[in-house]
Amino acid sequence: MLSKTGYLMDDFSPADCYLYAVLLWLPNFNIDISRWPVLDAFMKNMFNKKSVQQAIEAERNTKEC
């Protein structure tokens, strides 16, 4: 489905947000996502979403306790 629609379901869903978050962990395990072009394209698409950029910025501005 991801290769057809760009999302895990027919359209953008919470599952896509979760997949994006989990795939962000891959560099911590020295896993290069470019080995999987569909996942690489998914990550680039998600990163370019305005809502994702806003979430990243909000997290960046969060102070640790």
N, C-alpha and C. Protein backbone atom coordinates (compact mmCIF):
# COMPACT_ATOMS: atom_id res chain seq x y z
N MET A 1 0.83 -1.19 0.00
CA MET A 1 0.00 0.00 0.00
C MET A 1 0.88 1.25 0.00
N LEU A 2 1.95 1.21 0.75
CA LEU A 2 2.84 2.37 0.87
C LEU A 2 3.40 2.78 -0.50
N SER A 3 3.71 1.80 -1.32
CA SER A 3 4.25 2.12 -2.65
C SER A 3 3.18 2.64 -3.60
N LYS A 4 1.92 2.33 -3.33
CA LYS A 4 0.83 2.78 -4.21
C LYS A 4 0.31 4.16 -3.83
N THR A 5 0.04 4.37 -2.54
CA THR A 5 -0.59 5.62 -2.11
C THR A 5 0.36 6.58 -1.41
N GLY A 6 1.50 6.05 -0.97
CA GLY A 6 2.43 6.88 -0.20
C GLY A 6 2.14 6.85 1.29
N TYR A 7 1.07 6.14 1.66
CA TYR A 7 0.67 6.02 3.05
C TYR A 7 0.37 4.57 3.37
N LEU A 8 0.30 4.24 4.66
CA LEU A 8 0.02 2.86 5.06
C LEU A 8 -1.40 2.44 4.76
N MET A 9 -2.32 3.39 4.81
CA MET A 9 -3.72 3.12 4.47
C MET A 9 -3.99 3.82 3.14
N ASP A 10 -5.24 3.99 2.77
CA ASP A 10 -5.55 4.69 1.53
C ASP A 10 -5.15 6.16 1.59
N ASP A 11 -5.15 6.72 2.79
CA ASP A 11 -4.86 8.13 2.98
C ASP A 11 -4.06 8.29 4.27
N PHE A 12 -3.60 9.49 4.51
CA PHE A 12 -2.83 9.80 5.72
C PHE A 12 -3.61 9.40 6.96
N SER A 13 -2.94 8.74 7.91
CA SER A 13 -3.60 8.28 9.13
C SER A 13 -2.61 8.32 10.29
N PRO A 14 -3.09 8.12 11.51
CA PRO A 14 -2.19 8.07 12.66
C PRO A 14 -1.10 7.00 12.52
N ALA A 15 -1.40 5.95 11.79
CA ALA A 15 -0.39 4.89 11.58
C ALA A 15 0.84 5.45 10.87
N ASP A 16 0.63 6.39 9.96
CA ASP A 16 1.76 7.00 9.26
C ASP A 16 2.62 7.81 10.22
N CYS A 17 1.99 8.48 11.15
CA CYS A 17 2.74 9.26 12.14
C CYS A 17 3.60 8.33 12.99
N TYR A 18 3.04 7.21 13.37
CA TYR A 18 3.78 6.26 14.19
C TYR A 18 4.94 5.66 13.40
N LEU A 19 4.69 5.28 12.15
CA LEU A 19 5.75 4.74 11.32
C LEU A 19 6.87 5.75 11.16
N TYR A 20 6.52 7.00 10.93
CA TYR A 20 7.52 8.06 10.79
C TYR A 20 8.38 8.14 12.05
N ALA A 21 7.73 8.15 13.20
CA ALA A 21 8.46 8.25 14.47
C ALA A 21 9.40 7.07 14.66
N VAL A 22 8.94 5.87 14.37
CA VAL A 22 9.77 4.67 14.54
C VAL A 22 10.94 4.69 13.55
N LEU A 23 10.68 5.08 12.31
CA LEU A 23 11.75 5.11 11.31
C LEU A 23 12.82 6.16 11.64
N LEU A 24 12.45 7.15 12.42
CA LEU A 24 13.44 8.14 12.85
C LEU A 24 14.50 7.52 13.75
N TRP A 25 14.20 6.37 14.34
CA TRP A 25 15.16 5.70 15.21
C TRP A 25 16.25 4.97 14.44
N LEU A 26 16.03 4.68 13.17
CA LEU A 26 16.97 3.84 12.40
C LEU A 26 18.42 4.32 12.44
N PRO A 27 18.69 5.62 12.31
CA PRO A 27 20.10 6.03 12.38
C PRO A 27 20.78 5.65 13.70
N ASN A 28 20.01 5.57 14.78
CA ASN A 28 20.59 5.16 16.07
C ASN A 28 21.12 3.73 16.04
N PHE A 29 20.64 2.96 15.08
CA PHE A 29 21.06 1.57 14.94
C PHE A 29 21.92 1.37 13.69
N ASN A 30 22.40 2.48 13.14
CA ASN A 30 23.22 2.46 11.92
C ASN A 30 22.53 1.75 10.77
N ILE A 31 21.24 1.98 10.63
CA ILE A 31 20.47 1.41 9.52
C ILE A 31 20.19 2.53 8.53
N ASP A 32 20.63 2.31 7.30
CA ASP A 32 20.46 3.30 6.24
C ASP A 32 19.15 3.04 5.51
N ILE A 33 18.20 3.95 5.65
CA ILE A 33 16.87 3.77 5.07
C ILE A 33 16.88 3.81 3.54
N SER A 34 17.92 4.37 2.96
CA SER A 34 17.98 4.46 1.50
C SER A 34 18.01 3.07 0.85
N ARG A 35 18.24 2.04 1.63
CA ARG A 35 18.19 0.67 1.11
C ARG A 35 16.77 0.29 0.70
N TRP A 36 15.79 1.03 1.24
CA TRP A 36 14.38 0.78 0.95
C TRP A 36 13.77 2.05 0.35
N PRO A 37 13.80 2.17 -0.98
CA PRO A 37 13.35 3.41 -1.63
C PRO A 37 11.93 3.85 -1.27
N VAL A 38 11.04 2.92 -1.06
CA VAL A 38 9.66 3.29 -0.70
C VAL A 38 9.63 3.95 0.68
N LEU A 39 10.37 3.40 1.62
CA LEU A 39 10.43 4.00 2.96
C LEU A 39 11.16 5.34 2.93
N ASP A 40 12.20 5.42 2.11
CA ASP A 40 12.94 6.67 1.98
C ASP A 40 12.03 7.76 1.44
N ALA A 41 11.26 7.45 0.41
CA ALA A 41 10.32 8.42 -0.16
C ALA A 41 9.25 8.80 0.86
N PHE A 42 8.78 7.82 1.62
CA PHE A 42 7.79 8.09 2.67
C PHE A 42 8.34 9.08 3.68
N MET A 43 9.57 8.86 4.13
CA MET A 43 10.17 9.75 5.12
C MET A 43 10.32 11.17 4.58
N LYS A 44 10.74 11.29 3.35
CA LYS A 44 10.89 12.62 2.74
C LYS A 44 9.54 13.30 2.62
N ASN A 45 8.52 12.56 2.22
CA ASN A 45 7.17 13.11 2.10
C ASN A 45 6.66 13.57 3.45
N MET A 46 6.83 12.74 4.46
CA MET A 46 6.37 13.10 5.80
C MET A 46 7.12 14.33 6.32
N PHE A 47 8.44 14.36 6.14
CA PHE A 47 9.24 15.47 6.63
C PHE A 47 8.80 16.79 6.01
N ASN A 48 8.33 16.75 4.78
CA ASN A 48 7.91 17.96 4.08
C ASN A 48 6.50 18.42 4.44
N LYS A 49 5.77 17.64 5.22
CA LYS A 49 4.42 18.05 5.64
C LYS A 49 4.54 19.20 6.64
N LYS A 50 3.69 20.19 6.47
CA LYS A 50 3.69 21.36 7.36
C LYS A 50 3.45 20.93 8.81
N SER A 51 2.54 20.01 9.02
CA SER A 51 2.22 19.57 10.38
C SER A 51 3.42 18.88 11.04
N VAL A 52 4.19 18.14 10.27
CA VAL A 52 5.38 17.48 10.80
C VAL A 52 6.42 18.53 11.16
N GLN A 53 6.60 19.51 10.31
CA GLN A 53 7.55 20.58 10.60
C GLN A 53 7.15 21.33 11.87
N GLN A 54 5.86 21.56 12.04
CA GLN A 54 5.38 22.23 13.25
C GLN A 54 5.63 21.37 14.49
N ALA A 55 5.42 20.08 14.38
CA ALA A 55 5.66 19.18 15.51
C ALA A 55 7.14 19.13 15.88
N ILE A 56 8.00 19.10 14.87
CA ILE A 56 9.44 19.09 15.11
C ILE A 56 9.86 20.38 15.79
N GLU A 57 9.33 21.48 15.34
CA GLU A 57 9.66 22.78 15.93
C GLU A 57 9.16 22.86 17.38
N ALA A 58 7.95 22.36 17.62
CA ALA A 58 7.40 22.37 18.98
C ALA A 58 8.25 21.51 19.91
N GLU A 59 8.69 20.36 19.42
CA GLU A 59 9.53 19.49 20.23
C GLU A 59 10.88 20.15 20.50
N ARG A 60 11.41 20.80 19.50
CA ARG A 60 12.69 21.50 19.64
C ARG A 60 12.60 22.60 20.70
N ASN A 61 11.46 23.22 20.83
CA ASN A 61 11.27 24.31 21.77
C ASN A 61 10.86 23.85 23.16
N THR A 62 10.70 22.57 23.34
CA THR A 62 10.32 22.02 24.63
C THR A 62 11.54 21.93 25.53
N LYS A 63 11.43 22.46 26.71
CA LYS A 63 12.54 22.40 27.67
C LYS A 63 12.43 21.15 28.50
N GLU A 64 13.58 20.56 28.78
CA GLU A 64 13.60 19.38 29.65
C GLU A 64 13.35 19.81 31.08
N CYS A 65 12.72 18.93 31.84
CA CYS A 65 12.45 19.22 33.27
C CYS A 65 13.69 19.03 34.09
